[in-house]
C-alpha atoms as a PDB file:
ATOM      1  CA  MET A   1       0.000   0.000   0.000  1.00  0.00           C
ATOM      2  CA  LYS A   2       1.522   3.284  -1.118  1.00  0.00           C
ATOM      3  CA  THR A   3       1.027   6.055   1.422  1.00  0.00           C
ATOM      4  CA  GLY A   4       3.458   8.630   0.062  1.00  0.00           C
ATOM      5  CA  LYS A   5       2.905  11.863  -1.807  1.00  0.00           C
ATOM      6  CA  GLU A   6       4.710  13.133  -4.927  1.00  0.00           C
ATOM      7  CA  VAL A   7       5.316  16.674  -6.117  1.00  0.00           C
ATOM      8  CA  LYS A   8       6.579  17.266  -9.655  1.00  0.00           C
ATOM      9  CA  THR A   9       8.591  20.392 -10.293  1.00  0.00           C
ATOM     10  CA  THR A  10       9.302  22.240 -13.522  1.00  0.00           C
ATOM     11  CA  ASN A  11      12.146  24.404 -12.183  1.00  0.00           C
ATOM     12  CA  PHE A  12      14.853  22.495 -14.072  1.00  0.00           C
ATOM     13  CA  LYS A  13      15.556  22.946 -17.784  1.00  0.00           C
ATOM     14  CA  ASP A  14      17.333  19.682 -18.651  1.00  0.00           C
ATOM     15  CA  TYR A  15      16.130  17.381 -15.864  1.00  0.00           C
ATOM     16  CA  ASN A  16      12.895  15.775 -14.733  1.00  0.00           C
ATOM     17  CA  VAL A  17      12.700  16.219 -10.966  1.00  0.00           C
ATOM     18  CA  ILE A  18      10.133  14.724  -8.589  1.00  0.00           C
ATOM     19  CA  PHE A  19      10.020  15.117  -4.819  1.00  0.00           C
ATOM     20  CA  GLY A  20       8.145  12.631  -2.700  1.00  0.00           C
ATOM     21  CA  SER A  21       7.593  11.261   0.755  1.00  0.00           C
ATOM     22  CA  VAL A  22       7.854   7.579   1.576  1.00  0.00           C
ATOM     23  CA  ASN A  23       5.004   7.811   4.082  1.00  0.00           C
ATOM     24  CA  ASN A  24       2.702  10.833   4.096  1.00  0.00           C
ATOM     25  CA  LYS A  25       1.384  10.061   7.592  1.00  0.00           C
ATOM     26  CA  ASN A  26       4.882  10.070   9.113  1.00  0.00           C
ATOM     27  CA  PRO A  27       7.018  12.127   6.676  1.00  0.00           C
ATOM     28  CA  LYS A  28      10.495  11.558   8.077  1.00  0.00           C
ATOM     29  CA  ALA A  29      11.859  10.083   4.833  1.00  0.00           C
ATOM     30  CA  VAL A  30      11.685  12.007   1.554  1.00  0.00           C
ATOM     31  CA  TYR A  31      13.139  11.311  -1.860  1.00  0.00           C
ATOM     32  CA  ILE A  32      14.338  13.256  -4.846  1.00  0.00           C
ATOM     33  CA  ASN A  33      14.118  11.567  -8.219  1.00  0.00           C
ATOM     34  CA  LEU A  34      16.361  13.174 -10.857  1.00  0.00           C
ATOM     35  CA  SER A  35      16.094  11.745 -14.346  1.00  0.00           C
ATOM     36  CA  ALA A  36      17.477  12.813 -17.699  1.00  0.00           C
ATOM     37  CA  TRP A  37      18.820  11.493 -20.974  1.00  0.00           C
ATOM     38  CA  VAL A  38      22.625  11.456 -21.127  1.00  0.00           C
ATOM     39  CA  GLU A  39      24.685  11.731 -24.269  1.00  0.00           C
ATOM     40  CA  PRO A  40      28.460  11.250 -24.463  1.00  0.00           C
ATOM     41  CA  LYS A  41      30.305  14.445 -25.390  1.00  0.00           C
ATOM     42  CA  ASN A  42      33.060  12.823 -27.452  1.00  0.00           C
ATOM     43  CA  GLU A  43      33.632   9.833 -29.716  1.00  0.00           C
ATOM     44  CA  LEU A  44      36.577   8.404 -27.797  1.00  0.00           C
ATOM     45  CA  ASP A  45      36.317   4.848 -26.521  1.00  0.00           C
ATOM     46  CA  VAL A  46      35.954   5.467 -22.793  1.00  0.00           C
ATOM     47  CA  ASN A  47      35.500   3.223 -19.776  1.00  0.00           C
ATOM     48  CA  TYR A  48      31.976   4.364 -18.870  1.00  0.00           C
ATOM     49  CA  SER A  49      31.870   1.973 -15.926  1.00  0.00           C
ATOM     50  CA  ARG A  50      34.430   4.087 -14.084  1.00  0.00           C
ATOM     51  CA  ILE A  51      32.709   7.362 -15.065  1.00  0.00           C
ATOM     52  CA  ILE A  52      29.339   6.093 -13.765  1.00  0.00           C
ATOM     53  CA  ARG A  53      30.914   4.953 -10.488  1.00  0.00           C
ATOM     54  CA  ASN A  54      32.587   8.351 -10.100  1.00  0.00           C
ATOM     55  CA  ILE A  55      29.291  10.195 -10.666  1.00  0.00           C
ATOM     56  CA  ASN A  56      27.604   7.979  -8.056  1.00  0.00           C
ATOM     57  CA  LYS A  57      30.426   8.668  -5.599  1.00  0.00           C
ATOM     58  CA  LYS A  58      30.328  12.409  -6.283  1.00  0.00           C
ATOM     59  CA  VAL A  59      26.552  12.533  -5.634  1.00  0.00           C
ATOM     60  CA  LYS A  60      27.114  10.910  -2.228  1.00  0.00           C
ATOM     61  CA  GLN A  61      30.017  13.242  -1.410  1.00  0.00           C
ATOM     62  CA  GLU A  62      28.088  16.381  -2.379  1.00  0.00           C
ATOM     63  CA  LEU A  63      25.111  15.347  -0.242  1.00  0.00           C
ATOM     64  CA  TYR A  64      27.385  14.733   2.720  1.00  0.00           C
ATOM     65  CA  LEU A  65      29.141  18.078   2.265  1.00  0.00           C
ATOM     66  CA  LEU A  66      25.858  19.914   1.741  1.00  0.00           C
ATOM     67  CA  PHE A  67      24.339  18.606   4.970  1.00  0.00           C
ATOM     68  CA  ASP A  68      27.616  19.127   6.817  1.00  0.00           C
ATOM     69  CA  TYR A  69      27.774  22.737   5.647  1.00  0.00           C
ATOM     70  CA  GLU A  70      24.116  23.512   6.375  1.00  0.00           C
ATOM     71  CA  LYS A  71      23.974  22.918  10.122  1.00  0.00           C
ATOM     72  CA  ASP A  72      20.302  23.963  10.253  1.00  0.00           C
ATOM     73  CA  SER A  73      19.360  21.175   7.842  1.00  0.00           C
ATOM     74  CA  ASN A  74      17.066  18.624   9.429  1.00  0.00           C
ATOM     75  CA  PHE A  75      18.471  15.793   7.324  1.00  0.00           C
ATOM     76  CA  ILE A  76      20.695  13.157   8.865  1.00  0.00           C
ATOM     77  CA  LYS A  77      23.842  13.266   6.737  1.00  0.00           C
ATOM     78  CA  ASP A  78      24.923   9.712   7.588  1.00  0.00           C
ATOM     79  CA  ARG A  79      21.559   8.274   6.561  1.00  0.00           C
ATOM     80  CA  THR A  80      21.129   8.896   2.857  1.00  0.00           C
ATOM     81  CA  ILE A  81      20.468   6.356   0.143  1.00  0.00           C
ATOM     82  CA  VAL A  82      21.602   7.048  -3.418  1.00  0.00           C
ATOM     83  CA  ASP A  83      20.365   4.811  -6.234  1.00  0.00           C
ATOM     84  CA  PHE A  84      22.142   5.993  -9.394  1.00  0.00           C
ATOM     85  CA  ASP A  85      21.442   4.104 -12.600  1.00  0.00           C
ATOM     86  CA  ILE A  86      22.742   4.382 -16.155  1.00  0.00           C
ATOM     87  CA  ARG A  87      23.033   1.250 -18.278  1.00  0.00           C
ATOM     88  CA  GLU A  88      26.618   1.435 -19.485  1.00  0.00           C
ATOM     89  CA  SER A  89      26.170  -1.264 -22.141  1.00  0.00           C
ATOM     90  CA  GLY A  90      24.078   1.034 -24.345  1.00  0.00           C
ATOM     91  CA  ILE A  91      26.190   4.177 -24.112  1.00  0.00           C
ATOM     92  CA  ARG A  92      27.470   5.294 -27.517  1.00  0.00           C
ATOM     93  CA  PHE A  93      28.366   8.630 -29.073  1.00  0.00           C
ATOM     94  CA  GLY A  94      25.357  10.189 -30.802  1.00  0.00           C
ATOM     95  CA  LYS A  95      22.846   8.124 -28.802  1.00  0.00           C
ATOM     96  CA  ARG A  96      21.089   9.173 -25.622  1.00  0.00           C
ATOM     97  CA  SER A  97      20.758   6.799 -22.679  1.00  0.00           C
ATOM     98  CA  PHE A  98      18.372   7.102 -19.740  1.00  0.00           C
ATOM     99  CA  MET A  99      19.747   8.150 -16.352  1.00  0.00           C
ATOM    100  CA  ASN A 100      17.844   7.904 -13.090  1.00  0.00           C
ATOM    101  CA  CYS A 101      19.084   9.045  -9.699  1.00  0.00           C
ATOM    102  CA  GLU A 102      16.856   8.496  -6.681  1.00  0.00           C
ATOM    103  CA  ILE A 103      18.046   9.989  -3.414  1.00  0.00           C
ATOM    104  CA  THR A 104      16.324   9.118  -0.142  1.00  0.00           C
ATOM    105  CA  LEU A 105      16.886  11.525   2.730  1.00  0.00           C
ATOM    106  CA  PHE A 106      15.950  10.884   6.343  1.00  0.00           C
ATOM    107  CA  SER A 107      14.859  13.764   8.547  1.00  0.00           C
ATOM    108  CA  GLU A 108      14.983  14.192  12.295  1.00  0.00           C
ATOM    109  CA  ILE A 109      11.571  15.860  12.314  1.00  0.00           C
ATOM    110  CA  GLU A 110       8.344  15.384  10.379  1.00  0.00           C
ATOM    111  CA  ILE A 111       7.941  17.844   7.503  1.00  0.00           C
ATOM    112  CA  PRO A 112       5.292  17.215   4.821  1.00  0.00           C
ATOM    113  CA  VAL A 113       6.844  17.051   1.335  1.00  0.00           C
ATOM    114  CA  ASN A 114       4.221  19.408  -0.089  1.00  0.00           C
ATOM    115  CA  SER A 115       4.988  22.179   2.435  1.00  0.00           C
ATOM    116  CA  GLU A 116       6.646  25.270   1.006  1.00  0.00           C
ATOM    117  CA  HIS A 117       9.646  24.877   3.319  1.00  0.00           C
ATOM    118  CA  MET A 118      10.319  21.287   2.209  1.00  0.00           C
ATOM    119  CA  LYS A 119       9.856  22.147  -1.487  1.00  0.00           C
ATOM    120  CA  GLU A 120      12.401  24.953  -1.076  1.00  0.00           C
ATOM    121  CA  VAL A 121      14.893  22.688   0.727  1.00  0.00           C
ATOM    122  CA  LEU A 122      14.560  19.855  -1.816  1.00  0.00           C
ATOM    123  CA  THR A 123      14.830  22.304  -4.724  1.00  0.00           C
ATOM    124  CA  ASN A 124      18.042  23.681  -3.193  1.00  0.00           C
ATOM    125  CA  VAL A 125      19.495  20.162  -2.771  1.00  0.00           C
ATOM    126  CA  SER A 126      18.568  19.327  -6.387  1.00  0.00           C
ATOM    127  CA  ASN A 127      20.116  22.568  -7.668  1.00  0.00           C
ATOM    128  CA  GLN A 128      23.378  21.899  -5.831  1.00  0.00           C
ATOM    129  CA  LEU A 129      23.621  18.336  -7.158  1.00  0.00           C
ATOM    130  CA  ILE A 130      22.839  19.385 -10.719  1.00  0.00           C
ATOM    131  CA  LYS A 131      25.429  22.196 -10.664  1.00  0.00           C
ATOM    132  CA  LYS A 132      28.240  20.419  -8.846  1.00  0.00           C
ATOM    133  CA  VAL A 133      27.850  16.859 -10.158  1.00  0.00           C
ATOM    134  CA  PHE A 134      25.980  16.682 -13.444  1.00  0.00           C
ATOM    135  CA  GLU A 135      26.655  20.020 -15.149  1.00  0.00           C
ATOM    136  CA  SER A 136      30.351  19.891 -14.248  1.00  0.00           C
ATOM    137  CA  ASN A 137      30.688  16.419 -15.796  1.00  0.00           C
ATOM    138  CA  ASP A 138      33.103  16.346 -18.765  1.00  0.00           C
ATOM    139  CA  SER A 139      31.834  13.083 -20.276  1.00  0.00           C
ATOM    140  CA  PHE A 140      28.088  13.594 -20.641  1.00  0.00           C
ATOM    141  CA  SER A 141      25.599  16.249 -21.644  1.00  0.00           C
ATOM    142  CA  PHE A 142      22.138  16.016 -20.085  1.00  0.00           C
ATOM    143  CA  HIS A 143      18.754  16.478 -21.772  1.00  0.00           C
ATOM    144  CA  LYS A 144      15.157  16.407 -20.581  1.00  0.00           C
ATOM    145  CA  LYS A 145      13.898  14.355 -23.554  1.00  0.00           C
ATOM    146  CA  LYS A 146      15.315  11.566 -25.662  1.00  0.00           C
ATOM    147  CA  LYS A 147      15.310  13.653 -28.866  1.00  0.00           C
END
């Protein structure tokens, strides 16, 4: 039985972003779902396995640093789950592949995901991740749609 609530946002040009709560009755766990279509920037034969692992690691590091820096954040920095997925077998120059990154954050207090405060906090987290991890990536360009 699904008891959560989802909020779609249109604040991001090249990314589909959805915020949600795992349980709307007890909203201590929220998630951010970032999805996009990735396209390699160059034709070189590259080890995409390593690049994907590095992106996954960088997402985790940025979350940790973000919650460490923002002391007033109600999120527990040691309790985050990052599920980053790109199928490396289909990555080729000139072809877009689907990327999905679901981040689950655990809060110390209950804050409904559709409250203005939580939307603002989750939008800020998404902005930071997009700027520092995805947009700064040298291997891929990101697009909202497949073509």
